[in-house]
Amino acid sequence: MAKHNILGHKGEDLAAEYLKRHGYTIQDRDWHCGHKDLDLVVTKDNTVVFVEVKTRTGTEWGDPQDFVTDRKIRRIVNSADAYIRYNQLDMDVRFDIVSIVAEGGEFKVEHIEQAFFPPVE
C-alpha cells in the first residue's frame, strides 16, 4: 500500500476513535456505492453526521481542511444523499471535517463541526 494511503487509513482510525470518545456512534466507515463514497458516517443526538477526514504530514501547504474543495463538497453531499435514501433515514443532517496533522510522530486532531452546508443548485 502506498505511503499516503497508509497515512489516510491511520487518519480515519484516529478520527473514528476521537469521535467515539466524544459520544458519537460509528454507523459506517469508508462507505461506497458505485462512485459515491464517504469517509465516516456517525450519529449523535438524532443527527446523522457525514465526516470527511483529511490527514496531512504538515501544514506548510495549508491546513488539511483547506483541501476540501467546492468540488469535493458537492461529491460528499451527493454521496450523503445516496446514503440517506439507501438507508431510508429521517434524521437531521450535518457535515463535519476531522483534520489530522502528523508531525514528529504526534497526531493533532481537530473536529470541525458543521464545516460546510450543501450548496444550493
PDB file of N, CA and C in Angstrom:
ATOM      1  N   MET A   1       0.853  -1.183   0.000  1.00  0.00           N
ATOM      2  CA  MET A   1       0.000   0.000   0.000  1.00  0.00           C
ATOM      3  C   MET A   1       0.893   1.239   0.000  1.00  0.00           C
ATOM      4  N   ALA A   2       0.500   2.232  -0.768  1.00  0.00           N
ATOM      5  CA  ALA A   2       1.273   3.467  -0.865  1.00  0.00           C
ATOM      6  C   ALA A   2       1.291   4.199   0.475  1.00  0.00           C
ATOM      7  N   LYS A   3       2.371   4.947   0.701  1.00  0.00           N
ATOM      8  CA  LYS A   3       2.573   5.648   1.976  1.00  0.00           C
ATOM      9  C   LYS A   3       1.408   6.593   2.289  1.00  0.00           C
ATOM     10  N   HIS A   4       0.908   7.319   1.271  1.00  0.00           N
ATOM     11  CA  HIS A   4      -0.194   8.251   1.527  1.00  0.00           C
ATOM     12  C   HIS A   4      -1.483   7.511   1.881  1.00  0.00           C
ATOM     13  N   ASN A   5      -1.687   6.299   1.336  1.00  0.00           N
ATOM     14  CA  ASN A   5      -2.861   5.504   1.698  1.00  0.00           C
ATOM     15  C   ASN A   5      -2.778   5.017   3.134  1.00  0.00           C
ATOM     16  N   ILE A   6      -1.583   4.636   3.560  1.00  0.00           N
ATOM     17  CA  ILE A   6      -1.383   4.200   4.946  1.00  0.00           C
ATOM     18  C   ILE A   6      -1.697   5.350   5.900  1.00  0.00           C
ATOM     19  N   LEU A   7      -1.200   6.541   5.571  1.00  0.00           N
ATOM     20  CA  LEU A   7      -1.472   7.723   6.395  1.00  0.00           C
ATOM     21  C   LEU A   7      -2.966   8.022   6.423  1.00  0.00           C
ATOM     22  N   GLY A   8      -3.625   7.912   5.282  1.00  0.00           N
ATOM     23  CA  GLY A   8      -5.062   8.159   5.221  1.00  0.00           C
ATOM     24  C   GLY A   8      -5.855   7.190   6.077  1.00  0.00           C
ATOM     25  N   HIS A   9      -5.499   5.901   6.039  1.00  0.00           N
ATOM     26  CA  HIS A   9      -6.182   4.904   6.867  1.00  0.00           C
ATOM     27  C   HIS A   9      -5.930   5.167   8.351  1.00  0.00           C
ATOM     28  N   LYS A  10      -4.707   5.534   8.692  1.00  0.00           N
ATOM     29  CA  LYS A  10      -4.383   5.867  10.081  1.00  0.00           C
ATOM     30  C   LYS A  10      -5.223   7.060  10.534  1.00  0.00           C
ATOM     31  N   GLY A  11      -5.360   8.062   9.658  1.00  0.00           N
ATOM     32  CA  GLY A  11      -6.176   9.229   9.966  1.00  0.00           C
ATOM     33  C   GLY A  11      -7.628   8.865  10.213  1.00  0.00           C
ATOM     34  N   GLU A  12      -8.177   7.987   9.381  1.00  0.00           N
ATOM     35  CA  GLU A  12      -9.565   7.561   9.577  1.00  0.00           C
ATOM     36  C   GLU A  12      -9.723   6.793  10.888  1.00  0.00           C
ATOM     37  N   ASP A  13      -8.742   5.958  11.227  1.00  0.00           N
ATOM     38  CA  ASP A  13      -8.779   5.244  12.515  1.00  0.00           C
ATOM     39  C   ASP A  13      -8.775   6.230  13.682  1.00  0.00           C
ATOM     40  N   LEU A  14      -7.886   7.223  13.615  1.00  0.00           N
ATOM     41  CA  LEU A  14      -7.801   8.224  14.688  1.00  0.00           C
ATOM     42  C   LEU A  14      -9.088   9.036  14.787  1.00  0.00           C
ATOM     43  N   ALA A  15      -9.644   9.410  13.637  1.00  0.00           N
ATOM     44  CA  ALA A  15     -10.888  10.193  13.626  1.00  0.00           C
ATOM     45  C   ALA A  15     -12.028   9.384  14.250  1.00  0.00           C
ATOM     46  N   ALA A  16     -12.137   8.113  13.882  1.00  0.00           N
ATOM     47  CA  ALA A  16     -13.203   7.268  14.430  1.00  0.00           C
ATOM     48  C   ALA A  16     -13.067   7.134  15.944  1.00  0.00           C
ATOM     49  N   GLU A  17     -11.853   6.904  16.418  1.00  0.00           N
ATOM     50  CA  GLU A  17     -11.626   6.787  17.864  1.00  0.00           C
ATOM     51  C   GLU A  17     -11.952   8.096  18.579  1.00  0.00           C
ATOM     52  N   TYR A  18     -11.524   9.204  18.011  1.00  0.00           N
ATOM     53  CA  TYR A  18     -11.807  10.528  18.592  1.00  0.00           C
ATOM     54  C   TYR A  18     -13.319  10.736  18.714  1.00  0.00           C
ATOM     55  N   LEU A  19     -14.037  10.459  17.633  1.00  0.00           N
ATOM     56  CA  LEU A  19     -15.482  10.682  17.641  1.00  0.00           C
ATOM     57  C   LEU A  19     -16.187   9.762  18.641  1.00  0.00           C
ATOM     58  N   LYS A  20     -15.756   8.504  18.728  1.00  0.00           N
ATOM     59  CA  LYS A  20     -16.342   7.588  19.716  1.00  0.00           C
ATOM     60  C   LYS A  20     -16.140   8.110  21.130  1.00  0.00           C
ATOM     61  N   ARG A  21     -14.934   8.609  21.412  1.00  0.00           N
ATOM     62  CA  ARG A  21     -14.655   9.156  22.755  1.00  0.00           C
ATOM     63  C   ARG A  21     -15.524  10.368  23.070  1.00  0.00           C
ATOM     64  N   HIS A  22     -16.018  11.037  22.032  1.00  0.00           N
ATOM     65  CA  HIS A  22     -16.846  12.226  22.226  1.00  0.00           C
ATOM     66  C   HIS A  22     -18.335  11.934  22.032  1.00  0.00           C
ATOM     67  N   GLY A  23     -18.720  10.667  22.167  1.00  0.00           N
ATOM     68  CA  GLY A  23     -20.137  10.311  22.217  1.00  0.00           C
ATOM     69  C   GLY A  23     -20.814   9.999  20.894  1.00  0.00           C
ATOM     70  N   TYR A  24     -20.072   9.920  19.821  1.00  0.00           N
ATOM     71  CA  TYR A  24     -20.659   9.593  18.524  1.00  0.00           C
ATOM     72  C   TYR A  24     -20.690   8.076  18.351  1.00  0.00           C
ATOM     73  N   THR A  25     -21.660   7.599  17.601  1.00  0.00           N
ATOM     74  CA  THR A  25     -21.756   6.192  17.250  1.00  0.00           C
ATOM     75  C   THR A  25     -21.372   6.042  15.783  1.00  0.00           C
ATOM     76  N   ILE A  26     -20.431   5.170  15.507  1.00  0.00           N
ATOM     77  CA  ILE A  26     -19.980   4.941  14.136  1.00  0.00           C
ATOM     78  C   ILE A  26     -21.019   4.072  13.432  1.00  0.00           C
ATOM     79  N   GLN A  27     -21.562   4.568  12.335  1.00  0.00           N
ATOM     80  CA  GLN A  27     -22.519   3.801  11.546  1.00  0.00           C
ATOM     81  C   GLN A  27     -21.833   3.106  10.372  1.00  0.00           C
ATOM     82  N   ASP A  28     -20.921   3.830   9.720  1.00  0.00           N
ATOM     83  CA  ASP A  28     -20.201   3.291   8.572  1.00  0.00           C
ATOM     84  C   ASP A  28     -18.842   3.942   8.452  1.00  0.00           C
ATOM     85  N   ARG A  29     -17.902   3.150   7.934  1.00  0.00           N
ATOM     86  CA  ARG A  29     -16.560   3.658   7.622  1.00  0.00           C
ATOM     87  C   ARG A  29     -16.267   3.309   6.179  1.00  0.00           C
ATOM     88  N   ASP A  30     -15.739   4.269   5.454  1.00  0.00           N
ATOM     89  CA  ASP A  30     -15.335   4.042   4.068  1.00  0.00           C
ATOM     90  C   ASP A  30     -16.490   3.451   3.256  1.00  0.00           C
ATOM     91  N   TRP A  31     -17.654   4.098   3.342  1.00  0.00           N
ATOM     92  CA  TRP A  31     -18.866   3.628   2.658  1.00  0.00           C
ATOM     93  C   TRP A  31     -18.763   3.937   1.172  1.00  0.00           C
ATOM     94  N   HIS A  32     -19.128   2.955   0.356  1.00  0.00           N
ATOM     95  CA  HIS A  32     -19.103   3.102  -1.107  1.00  0.00           C
ATOM     96  C   HIS A  32     -20.410   2.615  -1.708  1.00  0.00           C
ATOM     97  N   CYS A  33     -20.833   3.302  -2.740  1.00  0.00           N
ATOM     98  CA  CYS A  33     -21.978   2.884  -3.544  1.00  0.00           C
ATOM     99  C   CYS A  33     -21.695   3.383  -4.957  1.00  0.00           C
ATOM    100  N   GLY A  34     -21.232   2.503  -5.820  1.00  0.00           N
ATOM    101  CA  GLY A  34     -20.804   2.935  -7.149  1.00  0.00           C
ATOM    102  C   GLY A  34     -19.600   3.854  -6.998  1.00  0.00           C
ATOM    103  N   HIS A  35     -19.690   5.049  -7.573  1.00  0.00           N
ATOM    104  CA  HIS A  35     -18.599   6.020  -7.476  1.00  0.00           C
ATOM    105  C   HIS A  35     -18.744   6.943  -6.266  1.00  0.00           C
ATOM    106  N   LYS A  36     -19.779   6.750  -5.501  1.00  0.00           N
ATOM    107  CA  LYS A  36     -20.008   7.586  -4.320  1.00  0.00           C
ATOM    108  C   LYS A  36     -19.277   6.970  -3.128  1.00  0.00           C
ATOM    109  N   ASP A  37     -18.690   7.841  -2.295  1.00  0.00           N
ATOM    110  CA  ASP A  37     -18.007   7.319  -1.111  1.00  0.00           C
ATOM    111  C   ASP A  37     -18.027   8.353   0.008  1.00  0.00           C
ATOM    112  N   LEU A  38     -18.008   7.840   1.225  1.00  0.00           N
ATOM    113  CA  LEU A  38     -17.986   8.668   2.436  1.00  0.00           C
ATOM    114  C   LEU A  38     -16.944   8.093   3.380  1.00  0.00           C
ATOM    115  N   ASP A  39     -16.163   8.969   4.036  1.00  0.00           N
ATOM    116  CA  ASP A  39     -15.139   8.504   4.970  1.00  0.00           C
ATOM    117  C   ASP A  39     -15.766   7.888   6.215  1.00  0.00           C
ATOM    118  N   LEU A  40     -16.548   8.697   6.936  1.00  0.00           N
ATOM    119  CA  LEU A  40     -17.205   8.230   8.160  1.00  0.00           C
ATOM    120  C   LEU A  40     -18.639   8.729   8.190  1.00  0.00           C
ATOM    121  N   VAL A  41     -19.526   7.868   8.648  1.00  0.00           N
ATOM    122  CA  VAL A  41     -20.907   8.259   8.916  1.00  0.00           C
ATOM    123  C   VAL A  41     -21.141   7.936  10.375  1.00  0.00           C
ATOM    124  N   VAL A  42     -21.496   8.965  11.154  1.00  0.00           N
ATOM    125  CA  VAL A  42     -21.688   8.797  12.589  1.00  0.00           C
ATOM    126  C   VAL A  42     -23.023   9.412  12.994  1.00  0.00           C
ATOM    127  N   THR A  43     -23.503   9.041  14.167  1.00  0.00           N
ATOM    128  CA  THR A  43     -24.733   9.632  14.684  1.00  0.00           C
ATOM    129  C   THR A  43     -24.523  10.084  16.124  1.00  0.00           C
ATOM    130  N   LYS A  44     -25.300  11.103  16.459  1.00  0.00           N
ATOM    131  CA  LYS A  44     -25.329  11.607  17.837  1.00  0.00           C
ATOM    132  C   LYS A  44     -26.547  12.516  17.951  1.00  0.00           C
ATOM    133  N   ASP A  45     -27.322  12.347  19.008  1.00  0.00           N
ATOM    134  CA  ASP A  45     -28.476  13.209  19.278  1.00  0.00           C
ATOM    135  C   ASP A  45     -29.421  13.312  18.086  1.00  0.00           C
ATOM    136  N   ASN A  46     -29.802  12.181  17.513  1.00  0.00           N
ATOM    137  CA  ASN A  46     -30.717  12.105  16.375  1.00  0.00           C
ATOM    138  C   ASN A  46     -30.242  12.914  15.160  1.00  0.00           C
ATOM    139  N   THR A  47     -28.929  13.031  15.015  1.00  0.00           N
ATOM    140  CA  THR A  47     -28.341  13.693  13.855  1.00  0.00           C
ATOM    141  C   THR A  47     -27.375  12.726  13.192  1.00  0.00           C
ATOM    142  N   VAL A  48     -27.492  12.596  11.874  1.00  0.00           N
ATOM    143  CA  VAL A  48     -26.514  11.820  11.128  1.00  0.00           C
ATOM    144  C   VAL A  48     -25.456  12.811  10.648  1.00  0.00           C
ATOM    145  N   VAL A  49     -24.212  12.466  10.898  1.00  0.00           N
ATOM    146  CA  VAL A  49     -23.100  13.357  10.572  1.00  0.00           C
ATOM    147  C   VAL A  49     -22.202  12.657   9.558  1.00  0.00           C
ATOM    148  N   PHE A  50     -22.009  13.330   8.429  1.00  0.00           N
ATOM    149  CA  PHE A  50     -21.111  12.829   7.395  1.00  0.00           C
ATOM    150  C   PHE A  50     -19.773  13.525   7.609  1.00  0.00           C
ATOM    151  N   VAL A  51     -18.749  12.727   7.861  1.00  0.00           N
ATOM    152  CA  VAL A  51     -17.455  13.269   8.264  1.00  0.00           C
ATOM    153  C   VAL A  51     -16.414  13.012   7.177  1.00  0.00           C
ATOM    154  N   GLU A  52     -15.829  14.088   6.682  1.00  0.00           N
ATOM    155  CA  GLU A  52     -14.705  13.998   5.759  1.00  0.00           C
ATOM    156  C   GLU A  52     -13.436  14.073   6.598  1.00  0.00           C
ATOM    157  N   VAL A  53     -12.556  13.100   6.433  1.00  0.00           N
ATOM    158  CA  VAL A  53     -11.314  13.052   7.194  1.00  0.00           C
ATOM    159  C   VAL A  53     -10.174  13.474   6.269  1.00  0.00           C
ATOM    160  N   LYS A  54      -9.416  14.477   6.699  1.00  0.00           N
ATOM    161  CA  LYS A  54      -8.257  14.940   5.931  1.00  0.00           C
ATOM    162  C   LYS A  54      -7.027  14.827   6.812  1.00  0.00           C
ATOM    163  N   THR A  55      -6.047  14.071   6.336  1.00  0.00           N
ATOM    164  CA  THR A  55      -4.816  13.843   7.091  1.00  0.00           C
ATOM    165  C   THR A  55      -3.637  14.314   6.268  1.00  0.00           C
ATOM    166  N   ARG A  56      -2.753  15.074   6.890  1.00  0.00           N
ATOM    167  CA  ARG A  56      -1.558  15.584   6.218  1.00  0.00           C
ATOM    168  C   ARG A  56      -0.365  15.423   7.149  1.00  0.00           C
ATOM    169  N   THR A  57       0.831  15.475   6.559  1.00  0.00           N
ATOM    170  CA  THR A  57       2.055  15.338   7.357  1.00  0.00           C
ATOM    171  C   THR A  57       2.605  16.678   7.813  1.00  0.00           C
ATOM    172  N   GLY A  58       1.945  17.749   7.484  1.00  0.00           N
ATOM    173  CA  GLY A  58       2.374  19.077   7.905  1.00  0.00           C
ATOM    174  C   GLY A  58       1.406  20.116   7.395  1.00  0.00           C
ATOM    175  N   THR A  59       1.665  21.369   7.747  1.00  0.00           N
ATOM    176  CA  THR A  59       0.762  22.443   7.337  1.00  0.00           C
ATOM    177  C   THR A  59       1.441  23.477   6.443  1.00  0.00           C
ATOM    178  N   GLU A  60       2.633  23.138   5.930  1.00  0.00           N
ATOM    179  CA  GLU A  60       3.337  24.118   5.096  1.00  0.00           C
ATOM    180  C   GLU A  60       2.556  24.495   3.840  1.00  0.00           C
ATOM    181  N   TRP A  61       1.667  23.623   3.374  1.00  0.00           N
ATOM    182  CA  TRP A  61       0.854  23.919   2.184  1.00  0.00           C
ATOM    183  C   TRP A  61      -0.567  24.305   2.570  1.00  0.00           C
ATOM    184  N   GLY A  62      -0.847  24.415   3.854  1.00  0.00           N
ATOM    185  CA  GLY A  62      -2.181  24.759   4.339  1.00  0.00           C
ATOM    186  C   GLY A  62      -2.684  23.698   5.301  1.00  0.00           C
ATOM    187  N   ASP A  63      -3.749  24.027   5.993  1.00  0.00           N
ATOM    188  CA  ASP A  63      -4.371  23.082   6.914  1.00  0.00           C
ATOM    189  C   ASP A  63      -5.099  22.005   6.126  1.00  0.00           C
ATOM    190  N   PRO A  64      -5.215  20.806   6.676  1.00  0.00           N
ATOM    191  CA  PRO A  64      -5.879  19.722   5.940  1.00  0.00           C
ATOM    192  C   PRO A  64      -7.275  20.092   5.438  1.00  0.00           C
ATOM    193  N   GLN A  65      -8.047  20.794   6.267  1.00  0.00           N
ATOM    194  CA  GLN A  65      -9.407  21.146   5.867  1.00  0.00           C
ATOM    195  C   GLN A  65      -9.442  22.086   4.663  1.00  0.00           C
ATOM    196  N   ASP A  66      -8.337  22.775   4.392  1.00  0.00           N
ATOM    197  CA  ASP A  66      -8.286  23.653   3.225  1.00  0.00           C
ATOM    198  C   ASP A  66      -8.374  22.875   1.912  1.00  0.00           C
ATOM    199  N   PHE A  67      -8.169  21.557   1.984  1.00  0.00           N
ATOM    200  CA  PHE A  67      -8.187  20.725   0.789  1.00  0.00           C
ATOM    201  C   PHE A  67      -9.566  20.127   0.503  1.00  0.00           C
ATOM    202  N   VAL A  68     -10.569  20.541   1.263  1.00  0.00           N
ATOM    203  CA  VAL A  68     -11.949  20.159   0.967  1.00  0.00           C
ATOM    204  C   VAL A  68     -12.496  21.252   0.054  1.00  0.00           C
ATOM    205  N   THR A  69     -12.400  20.989  -1.234  1.00  0.00           N
ATOM    206  CA  THR A  69     -12.764  21.959  -2.263  1.00  0.00           C
ATOM    207  C   THR A  69     -14.271  21.967  -2.507  1.00  0.00           C
ATOM    208  N   ASP A  70     -14.732  22.949  -3.260  1.00  0.00           N
ATOM    209  CA  ASP A  70     -16.147  23.001  -3.629  1.00  0.00           C
ATOM    210  C   ASP A  70     -16.560  21.733  -4.374  1.00  0.00           C
ATOM    211  N   ARG A  71     -15.699  21.255  -5.247  1.00  0.00           N
ATOM    212  CA  ARG A  71     -15.993  20.021  -5.989  1.00  0.00           C
ATOM    213  C   ARG A  71     -16.131  18.842  -5.029  1.00  0.00           C
ATOM    214  N   LYS A  72     -15.233  18.750  -4.050  1.00  0.00           N
ATOM    215  CA  LYS A  72     -15.292  17.673  -3.060  1.00  0.00           C
ATOM    216  C   LYS A  72     -16.559  17.787  -2.225  1.00  0.00           C
ATOM    217  N   ILE A  73     -16.931  18.992  -1.852  1.00  0.00           N
ATOM    218  CA  ILE A  73     -18.162  19.202  -1.082  1.00  0.00           C
ATOM    219  C   ILE A  73     -19.368  18.685  -1.866  1.00  0.00           C
ATOM    220  N   ARG A  74     -19.440  19.006  -3.152  1.00  0.00           N
ATOM    221  CA  ARG A  74     -20.556  18.519  -3.972  1.00  0.00           C
ATOM    222  C   ARG A  74     -20.586  16.987  -4.009  1.00  0.00           C
ATOM    223  N   ARG A  75     -19.422  16.363  -4.101  1.00  0.00           N
ATOM    224  CA  ARG A  75     -19.356  14.896  -4.125  1.00  0.00           C
ATOM    225  C   ARG A  75     -19.799  14.304  -2.784  1.00  0.00           C
ATOM    226  N   ILE A  76     -19.384  14.926  -1.687  1.00  0.00           N
ATOM    227  CA  ILE A  76     -19.791  14.449  -0.360  1.00  0.00           C
ATOM    228  C   ILE A  76     -21.307  14.565  -0.196  1.00  0.00           C
ATOM    229  N   VAL A  77     -21.862  15.706  -0.598  1.00  0.00           N
ATOM    230  CA  VAL A  77     -23.302  15.930  -0.468  1.00  0.00           C
ATOM    231  C   VAL A  77     -24.079  14.924  -1.332  1.00  0.00           C
ATOM    232  N   ASN A  78     -23.632  14.682  -2.546  1.00  0.00           N
ATOM    233  CA  ASN A  78     -24.295  13.691  -3.408  1.00  0.00           C
ATOM    234  C   ASN A  78     -24.202  12.292  -2.803  1.00  0.00           C
ATOM    235  N   SER A  79     -23.063  11.964  -2.235  1.00  0.00           N
ATOM    236  CA  SER A  79     -22.889  10.662  -1.589  1.00  0.00           C
ATOM    237  C   SER A  79     -23.778  10.558  -0.348  1.00  0.00           C
ATOM    238  N   ALA A  80     -23.861  11.636   0.424  1.00  0.00           N
ATOM    239  CA  ALA A  80     -24.716  11.647   1.617  1.00  0.00           C
ATOM    240  C   ALA A  80     -26.179  11.456   1.227  1.00  0.00           C
ATOM    241  N   ASP A  81     -26.589  12.092   0.146  1.00  0.00           N
ATOM    242  CA  ASP A  81     -27.959  11.936  -0.337  1.00  0.00           C
ATOM    243  C   ASP A  81     -28.234  10.470  -0.684  1.00  0.00           C
ATOM    244  N   ALA A  82     -27.291   9.827  -1.369  1.00  0.00           N
ATOM    245  CA  ALA A  82     -27.446   8.411  -1.712  1.00  0.00           C
ATOM    246  C   ALA A  82     -27.518   7.560  -0.446  1.00  0.00           C
ATOM    247  N   TYR A  83     -26.685   7.868   0.536  1.00  0.00           N
ATOM    248  CA  TYR A  83     -26.665   7.117   1.801  1.00  0.00           C
ATOM    249  C   TYR A  83     -28.010   7.254   2.523  1.00  0.00           C
ATOM    250  N   ILE A  84     -28.523   8.468   2.596  1.00  0.00           N
ATOM    251  CA  ILE A  84     -29.800   8.731   3.271  1.00  0.00           C
ATOM    252  C   ILE A  84     -30.924   7.971   2.580  1.00  0.00           C
ATOM    253  N   ARG A  85     -30.952   8.029   1.254  1.00  0.00           N
ATOM    254  CA  ARG A  85     -32.010   7.322   0.505  1.00  0.00           C
ATOM    255  C   ARG A  85     -31.879   5.812   0.675  1.00  0.00           C
ATOM    256  N   TYR A  86     -30.670   5.300   0.551  1.00  0.00           N
ATOM    257  CA  TYR A  86     -30.433   3.861   0.648  1.00  0.00           C
ATOM    258  C   TYR A  86     -30.858   3.320   2.011  1.00  0.00           C
ATOM    259  N   ASN A  87     -30.553   4.072   3.064  1.00  0.00           N
ATOM    260  CA  ASN A  87     -30.861   3.646   4.435  1.00  0.00           C
ATOM    261  C   ASN A  87     -32.190   4.178   4.945  1.00  0.00           C
ATOM    262  N   GLN A  88     -32.909   4.913   4.108  1.00  0.00           N
ATOM    263  CA  GLN A  88     -34.221   5.466   4.446  1.00  0.00           C
ATOM    264  C   GLN A  88     -34.196   6.188   5.788  1.00  0.00           C
ATOM    265  N   LEU A  89     -33.246   7.107   5.934  1.00  0.00           N
ATOM    266  CA  LEU A  89     -33.075   7.839   7.187  1.00  0.00           C
ATOM    267  C   LEU A  89     -33.983   9.060   7.241  1.00  0.00           C
ATOM    268  N   ASP A  90     -34.470   9.335   8.426  1.00  0.00           N
ATOM    269  CA  ASP A  90     -35.254  10.543   8.682  1.00  0.00           C
ATOM    270  C   ASP A  90     -34.658  11.197   9.927  1.00  0.00           C
ATOM    271  N   MET A  91     -33.529  11.866   9.725  1.00  0.00           N
ATOM    272  CA  MET A  91     -32.791  12.482  10.828  1.00  0.00           C
ATOM    273  C   MET A  91     -32.262  13.833  10.359  1.00  0.00           C
ATOM    274  N   ASP A  92     -31.878  14.662  11.316  1.00  0.00           N
ATOM    275  CA  ASP A  92     -31.161  15.872  10.964  1.00  0.00           C
ATOM    276  C   ASP A  92     -29.825  15.462  10.354  1.00  0.00           C
ATOM    277  N   VAL A  93     -29.265  16.337   9.508  1.00  0.00           N
ATOM    278  CA  VAL A  93     -28.024  16.037   8.798  1.00  0.00           C
ATOM    279  C   VAL A  93     -27.017  17.144   9.054  1.00  0.00           C
ATOM    280  N   ARG A  94     -25.754  16.740   9.200  1.00  0.00           N
ATOM    281  CA  ARG A  94     -24.672  17.714   9.375  1.00  0.00           C
ATOM    282  C   ARG A  94     -23.440  17.189   8.644  1.00  0.00           C
ATOM    283  N   PHE A  95     -22.600  18.137   8.209  1.00  0.00           N
ATOM    284  CA  PHE A  95     -21.360  17.795   7.517  1.00  0.00           C
ATOM    285  C   PHE A  95     -20.191  18.349   8.324  1.00  0.00           C
ATOM    286  N   ASP A  96     -19.313  17.452   8.783  1.00  0.00           N
ATOM    287  CA  ASP A  96     -18.155  17.822   9.590  1.00  0.00           C
ATOM    288  C   ASP A  96     -16.871  17.442   8.862  1.00  0.00           C
ATOM    289  N   ILE A  97     -15.779  18.018   9.326  1.00  0.00           N
ATOM    290  CA  ILE A  97     -14.451  17.639   8.871  1.00  0.00           C
ATOM    291  C   ILE A  97     -13.623  17.313  10.104  1.00  0.00           C
ATOM    292  N   VAL A  98     -12.869  16.217  10.032  1.00  0.00           N
ATOM    293  CA  VAL A  98     -11.861  15.947  11.049  1.00  0.00           C
ATOM    294  C   VAL A  98     -10.516  16.132  10.361  1.00  0.00           C
ATOM    295  N   SER A  99      -9.774  17.096  10.864  1.00  0.00           N
ATOM    296  CA  SER A  99      -8.470  17.471  10.322  1.00  0.00           C
ATOM    297  C   SER A  99      -7.395  16.864  11.210  1.00  0.00           C
ATOM    298  N   ILE A 100      -6.459  16.153  10.578  1.00  0.00           N
ATOM    299  CA  ILE A 100      -5.397  15.499  11.340  1.00  0.00           C
ATOM    300  C   ILE A 100      -4.051  15.876  10.731  1.00  0.00           C
ATOM    301  N   VAL A 101      -3.157  16.349  11.591  1.00  0.00           N
ATOM    302  CA  VAL A 101      -1.803  16.693  11.160  1.00  0.00           C
ATOM    303  C   VAL A 101      -0.832  15.794  11.915  1.00  0.00           C
ATOM    304  N   ALA A 102      -0.006  15.085  11.142  1.00  0.00           N
ATOM    305  CA  ALA A 102       1.013  14.199  11.714  1.00  0.00           C
ATOM    306  C   ALA A 102       2.359  14.889  11.597  1.00  0.00           C
ATOM    307  N   GLU A 103       2.953  15.200  12.741  1.00  0.00           N
ATOM    308  CA  GLU A 103       4.269  15.843  12.751  1.00  0.00           C
ATOM    309  C   GLU A 103       5.100  15.260  13.887  1.00  0.00           C
ATOM    310  N   GLY A 104       6.271  14.800  13.561  1.00  0.00           N
ATOM    311  CA  GLY A 104       7.186  14.297  14.579  1.00  0.00           C
ATOM    312  C   GLY A 104       6.645  13.123  15.376  1.00  0.00           C
ATOM    313  N   GLY A 105       5.865  12.268  14.735  1.00  0.00           N
ATOM    314  CA  GLY A 105       5.313  11.114  15.433  1.00  0.00           C
ATOM    315  C   GLY A 105       4.075  11.413  16.254  1.00  0.00           C
ATOM    316  N   GLU A 106       3.672  12.652  16.304  1.00  0.00           N
ATOM    317  CA  GLU A 106       2.477  13.070  17.039  1.00  0.00           C
ATOM    318  C   GLU A 106       1.352  13.368  16.044  1.00  0.00           C
ATOM    319  N   PHE A 107       0.113  13.158  16.478  1.00  0.00           N
ATOM    320  CA  PHE A 107      -1.048  13.452  15.643  1.00  0.00           C
ATOM    321  C   PHE A 107      -1.920  14.478  16.347  1.00  0.00           C
ATOM    322  N   LYS A 108      -2.188  15.579  15.670  1.00  0.00           N
ATOM    323  CA  LYS A 108      -3.081  16.613  16.205  1.00  0.00           C
ATOM    324  C   LYS A 108      -4.423  16.467  15.492  1.00  0.00           C
ATOM    325  N   VAL A 109      -5.477  16.246  16.275  1.00  0.00           N
ATOM    326  CA  VAL A 109      -6.812  16.027  15.733  1.00  0.00           C
ATOM    327  C   VAL A 109      -7.667  17.257  16.016  1.00  0.00           C
ATOM    328  N   GLU A 110      -8.325  17.756  14.976  1.00  0.00           N
ATOM    329  CA  GLU A 110      -9.253  18.885  15.134  1.00  0.00           C
ATOM    330  C   GLU A 110     -10.579  18.502  14.496  1.00  0.00           C
ATOM    331  N   HIS A 111     -11.658  18.593  15.273  1.00  0.00           N
ATOM    332  CA  HIS A 111     -13.001  18.274  14.785  1.00  0.00           C
ATOM    333  C   HIS A 111     -13.714  19.587  14.479  1.00  0.00           C
ATOM    334  N   ILE A 112     -14.067  19.771  13.226  1.00  0.00           N
ATOM    335  CA  ILE A 112     -14.759  20.988  12.797  1.00  0.00           C
ATOM    336  C   ILE A 112     -16.218  20.621  12.533  1.00  0.00           C
ATOM    337  N   GLU A 113     -17.075  20.978  13.477  1.00  0.00           N
ATOM    338  CA  GLU A 113     -18.496  20.681  13.337  1.00  0.00           C
ATOM    339  C   GLU A 113     -19.134  21.667  12.364  1.00  0.00           C
ATOM    340  N   GLN A 114     -20.112  21.171  11.622  1.00  0.00           N
ATOM    341  CA  GLN A 114     -20.838  21.985  10.644  1.00  0.00           C
ATOM    342  C   GLN A 114     -19.849  22.751   9.754  1.00  0.00           C
ATOM    343  N   ALA A 115     -18.908  22.004   9.204  1.00  0.00           N
ATOM    344  CA  ALA A 115     -17.827  22.591   8.413  1.00  0.00           C
ATOM    345  C   ALA A 115     -18.312  23.233   7.115  1.00  0.00           C
ATOM    346  N   PHE A 116     -19.409  22.701   6.585  1.00  0.00           N
ATOM    347  CA  PHE A 116     -19.980  23.284   5.368  1.00  0.00           C
ATOM    348  C   PHE A 116     -21.450  22.900   5.275  1.00  0.00           C
ATOM    349  N   PHE A 117     -22.153  23.623   4.424  1.00  0.00           N
ATOM    350  CA  PHE A 117     -23.561  23.344   4.146  1.00  0.00           C
ATOM    351  C   PHE A 117     -23.678  22.898   2.698  1.00  0.00           C
ATOM    352  N   PRO A 118     -24.699  22.094   2.390  1.00  0.00           N
ATOM    353  CA  PRO A 118     -24.861  21.689   0.994  1.00  0.00           C
ATOM    354  C   PRO A 118     -25.053  22.915   0.110  1.00  0.00           C
ATOM    355  N   PRO A 119     -24.385  22.954  -1.039  1.00  0.00           N
ATOM    356  CA  PRO A 119     -24.550  24.091  -1.939  1.00  0.00           C
ATOM    357  C   PRO A 119     -25.952  24.097  -2.547  1.00  0.00           C
ATOM    358  N   VAL A 120     -26.427  25.274  -2.845  1.00  0.00           N
ATOM    359  CA  VAL A 120     -27.733  25.413  -3.497  1.00  0.00           C
ATOM    360  C   VAL A 120     -27.491  25.252  -4.985  1.00  0.00           C
ATOM    361  N   GLU A 121     -28.198  24.314  -5.572  1.00  0.00           N
ATOM    362  CA  GLU A 121     -28.027  24.043  -7.004  1.00  0.00           C
ATOM    363  C   GLU A 121     -29.019  24.834  -7.815  1.00  0.00           C
TER     364      GLU A 121
END
